Protein backbone atom coordinates (compact mmCIF):
# COMPACT_ATOMS: atom_id res chain seq x y z
CA MET A 1 -123.32 21.40 25.16
CA ALA A 2 -126.93 22.34 25.10
CA SER A 3 -128.10 19.01 26.40
CA MET A 4 -125.63 18.88 29.24
CA THR A 5 -125.63 20.73 32.50
CA ALA A 6 -122.79 23.22 32.13
CA PRO A 7 -122.83 26.68 33.73
CA SER A 8 -122.95 29.92 31.77
CA THR A 9 -120.01 31.64 33.42
CA THR A 10 -116.88 32.51 31.48
CA PRO A 11 -113.96 30.08 31.97
CA ALA A 12 -111.05 31.59 33.91
CA ASP A 13 -108.55 30.99 31.13
CA ARG A 14 -110.39 33.17 28.60
CA PRO A 15 -109.28 36.78 28.00
CA ARG A 16 -111.19 39.25 30.17
CA PRO A 17 -114.06 40.74 28.11
CA GLY A 18 -114.57 44.47 27.63
CA LEU A 19 -116.94 46.58 29.73
CA ARG A 20 -119.86 46.26 27.30
CA GLU A 21 -119.53 42.49 27.17
CA ARG A 22 -119.17 42.29 30.97
CA LYS A 23 -122.45 44.19 31.34
CA LYS A 24 -124.15 41.74 29.00
CA ILE A 25 -122.75 38.79 30.95
CA LYS A 26 -123.94 40.35 34.21
CA THR A 27 -127.45 40.97 32.85
CA ARG A 28 -127.64 37.49 31.38
CA GLY A 29 -126.51 35.99 34.68
CA ALA A 30 -129.05 38.04 36.64
CA ILE A 31 -131.87 36.82 34.40
CA ARG A 32 -130.80 33.20 34.74
CA ALA A 33 -130.40 33.50 38.51
CA ALA A 34 -133.85 35.07 38.84
CA ALA A 35 -135.43 32.40 36.67
CA TYR A 36 -133.87 29.51 38.56
CA ALA A 37 -134.78 31.02 41.94
CA LEU A 38 -138.40 31.48 40.92
CA ILE A 39 -138.64 28.03 39.35
CA ALA A 40 -137.22 26.47 42.52
CA GLU A 41 -139.78 28.38 44.60
CA GLN A 42 -142.95 27.91 42.57
CA GLY A 43 -142.30 25.58 39.64
CA TYR A 44 -141.59 26.08 35.96
CA ASP A 45 -145.15 26.54 34.68
CA ALA A 46 -146.05 29.12 37.34
CA THR A 47 -143.00 31.24 36.57
CA THR A 48 -143.60 34.01 34.03
CA ILE A 49 -141.28 36.22 32.04
CA GLU A 50 -142.73 39.24 33.87
CA GLN A 51 -141.82 37.72 37.23
CA ILE A 52 -138.32 36.89 36.01
CA ALA A 53 -137.85 40.44 34.72
CA ASP A 54 -139.06 41.92 38.01
CA ARG A 55 -136.76 39.70 40.08
CA ALA A 56 -133.77 40.48 37.81
CA GLU A 57 -134.65 44.21 37.79
CA VAL A 58 -134.85 44.42 34.02
CA SER A 59 -137.71 44.85 31.57
CA PRO A 60 -139.51 41.89 29.97
CA SER A 61 -138.20 43.08 26.61
CA THR A 62 -134.66 42.79 27.96
CA VAL A 63 -135.34 39.20 29.01
CA PHE A 64 -136.58 38.41 25.50
CA ARG A 65 -133.56 40.13 23.97
CA TYR A 66 -131.27 37.67 25.76
CA PHE A 67 -133.60 34.66 25.74
CA PRO A 68 -136.26 34.38 22.98
CA ALA A 69 -138.40 32.01 25.09
CA LYS A 70 -138.60 30.96 28.72
CA GLU A 71 -137.16 27.52 28.06
CA ASP A 72 -134.11 29.18 26.49
CA ILE A 73 -133.17 30.53 29.92
CA VAL A 74 -132.78 26.94 31.08
CA VAL A 75 -131.16 25.55 27.96
CA ILE A 76 -128.99 28.18 26.29
CA ASP A 77 -125.52 28.66 27.73
CA ALA A 78 -122.12 29.88 26.58
CA TRP A 79 -120.16 26.66 26.80
CA ASP A 80 -120.48 25.07 23.37
CA PRO A 81 -117.77 27.21 21.67
CA ALA A 82 -115.50 26.80 24.70
CA MET A 83 -115.99 23.04 24.74
CA ALA A 84 -115.31 22.85 21.00
CA ALA A 85 -112.06 24.75 21.57
CA GLU A 86 -111.12 22.38 24.39
CA LEU A 87 -111.82 19.43 22.10
CA ARG A 88 -109.55 20.90 19.43
CA ALA A 89 -106.79 21.27 22.03
CA ARG A 90 -106.74 17.56 22.88
CA PRO A 91 -103.88 15.45 21.44
CA ALA A 92 -104.51 14.64 17.79
CA ASP A 93 -103.82 10.93 18.30
CA GLU A 94 -106.13 10.59 21.31
CA PRO A 95 -109.19 8.36 20.70
CA TRP A 96 -112.32 10.45 20.11
CA ALA A 97 -114.12 8.92 23.11
CA ASP A 98 -111.24 9.83 25.44
CA SER A 99 -111.18 13.39 24.12
CA LEU A 100 -114.93 13.84 24.58
CA ARG A 101 -114.78 12.23 28.02
CA HIS A 102 -112.09 14.65 29.14
CA VAL A 103 -113.91 17.74 27.86
CA LEU A 104 -117.32 16.73 29.20
CA ARG A 105 -116.05 15.63 32.60
CA ALA A 106 -114.20 18.93 32.97
CA ALA A 107 -117.31 20.96 32.05
CA LEU A 108 -119.55 18.96 34.35
CA GLY A 109 -117.00 19.20 37.14
CA ARG A 110 -117.11 22.98 36.87
CA SER A 111 -120.89 22.92 36.83
CA LEU A 112 -121.17 20.74 39.92
CA ALA A 113 -118.59 22.82 41.77
CA GLU A 114 -120.03 26.23 40.89
CA GLU A 115 -123.79 25.64 40.60
CA PRO A 116 -124.69 22.25 42.09
CA GLU A 117 -128.35 23.03 42.79
CA VAL A 118 -128.89 24.72 39.43
CA THR A 119 -127.21 21.81 37.69
CA ARG A 120 -129.64 19.37 39.31
CA LEU A 121 -132.63 21.61 38.67
CA ARG A 122 -131.70 21.96 35.02
CA ALA A 123 -131.51 18.21 34.63
CA ARG A 124 -134.88 17.78 36.34
CA LEU A 125 -136.54 20.38 34.11
CA GLY A 126 -135.15 18.64 31.04
CA ALA A 127 -136.70 15.40 32.23
CA GLU A 128 -140.06 16.78 33.39
CA VAL A 129 -140.95 19.81 31.23
CA PRO A 130 -141.75 18.95 27.58
CA ALA A 131 -140.95 22.47 26.32
CA VAL A 132 -137.51 22.40 27.92
CA ARG A 133 -136.84 18.89 26.64
CA ALA A 134 -137.88 19.91 23.11
CA ARG A 135 -135.62 22.97 23.23
CA MET A 136 -132.70 20.82 24.37
CA LEU A 137 -133.23 18.51 21.41
CA ARG A 138 -133.45 21.43 18.95
CA GLY A 139 -130.24 22.84 20.38
CA THR A 140 -128.29 19.77 19.34
CA ALA A 141 -128.24 21.05 15.75
CA ASP A 142 -125.95 23.95 16.65
CA THR A 143 -123.90 21.78 18.99
CA GLY A 144 -123.59 19.16 16.25
CA ARG A 145 -122.12 21.68 13.84
CA LEU A 146 -119.48 22.71 16.38
CA LEU A 147 -118.70 19.08 17.16
CA ARG A 148 -118.38 18.19 13.48
CA GLU A 149 -116.03 21.09 12.83
CA ALA A 150 -113.82 20.16 15.78
CA LEU A 151 -113.71 16.49 14.80
CA ALA A 152 -113.11 17.36 11.14
CA GLU A 153 -109.94 19.20 12.09
CA ARG A 154 -108.73 16.11 13.94
CA SER A 155 -109.77 13.53 11.34
CA GLY A 156 -109.42 15.35 8.03
CA LEU A 157 -112.99 14.40 7.13
CA ASP A 158 -115.50 16.79 5.59
CA PRO A 159 -117.49 18.42 8.45
CA ASP A 160 -120.56 18.40 6.21
CA GLY A 161 -120.01 14.87 4.95
CA LEU A 162 -122.39 12.05 5.74
CA GLU A 163 -119.97 10.18 7.98
CA LEU A 164 -119.42 13.04 10.42
CA ARG A 165 -123.10 14.01 10.32
CA VAL A 166 -124.12 10.49 11.33
CA PHE A 167 -121.39 10.23 13.93
CA ALA A 168 -122.06 13.60 15.58
CA THR A 169 -125.81 12.98 15.62
CA ALA A 170 -125.35 9.59 17.24
CA VAL A 171 -122.99 10.99 19.89
CA LEU A 172 -125.21 13.95 20.77
CA SER A 173 -128.41 11.90 20.78
CA GLY A 174 -126.80 9.50 23.22
CA LEU A 175 -125.43 12.23 25.45
CA THR A 176 -128.80 13.99 25.46
CA GLU A 177 -130.20 11.05 27.41
CA VAL A 178 -127.66 11.41 30.23
CA SER A 179 -129.15 14.49 31.91
CA PRO A 180 -132.79 13.29 32.14
CA TYR A 181 -131.66 9.82 33.24
CA TRP A 182 -129.61 11.43 36.00
CA ALA A 183 -132.67 13.37 37.17
CA GLU A 184 -135.07 10.43 36.83
CA THR A 185 -132.82 8.28 39.02
CA GLY A 186 -132.75 10.89 41.78
CA HIS A 187 -129.24 12.19 41.00
CA ARG A 188 -127.85 9.19 42.86
CA HIS A 189 -125.16 8.63 40.24
CA ASP A 190 -122.21 10.87 39.48
CA VAL A 191 -123.31 12.44 36.19
CA ARG A 192 -119.71 12.27 34.95
CA ASP A 193 -119.80 8.49 35.33
CA LEU A 194 -123.05 8.43 33.34
CA VAL A 195 -121.26 10.28 30.54
CA ASP A 196 -118.56 7.59 30.63
CA ARG A 197 -121.21 4.87 30.37
CA ALA A 198 -122.90 6.61 27.44
CA LEU A 199 -119.60 6.94 25.58
CA VAL A 200 -118.83 3.26 26.16
CA VAL A 201 -122.17 2.31 24.59
CA LEU A 202 -121.57 4.67 21.67
CA GLY A 203 -118.11 3.25 21.11
CA HIS A 204 -118.71 -0.45 21.76
CA GLY A 205 -122.44 -1.10 21.56
CA LEU A 206 -124.77 -2.54 24.16
CA PRO A 207 -123.31 -4.35 27.18
CA THR A 208 -124.02 -8.03 27.60
CA GLY A 209 -125.58 -7.55 31.04
CA ASN A 210 -127.15 -4.84 33.19
CA PRO A 211 -124.68 -2.35 34.78
């Protein structure tokens, strides 16, 4: 999901893409890698599109073709459709919170295993850079549509109905707070456990005492 810290690589169980698509994935990955390296070295504000393009060995126009704005390099990834598919594959009688927990923990586990430093940097940028934070929040609209469609198939409810709109918005708004909280607390928690805590609050309301 856009607000979470999932990597942009293609899951191993997907069909291998064609040559053209592989080139796009390679270019996209090179741009992201260049951006993260520069941001780690000199900070987000000091990093320009021109520098990113030079480090990735592409033109600035190529960067903009893949990412319309600098904050999109941090926020946009390829996991939302995959995560929606994983959600659809969960048992139909499984409680929604358990299904989401399984899908999110799996995605975050991949992220932490494959790109631990990038995962932490992404969370920190979402907490500290207003433009990145704003882009993350805007991205929840697309994620919300995918979530509603997946949940509609499981529940039989209208994906555009009020009930699923309210539910998906509440879930995503709550989960959006996980990543910045993780960064603000020095990454001392396991982010997957923070997802669990957020889902408990969404499902059962506020706890009676401090965790």
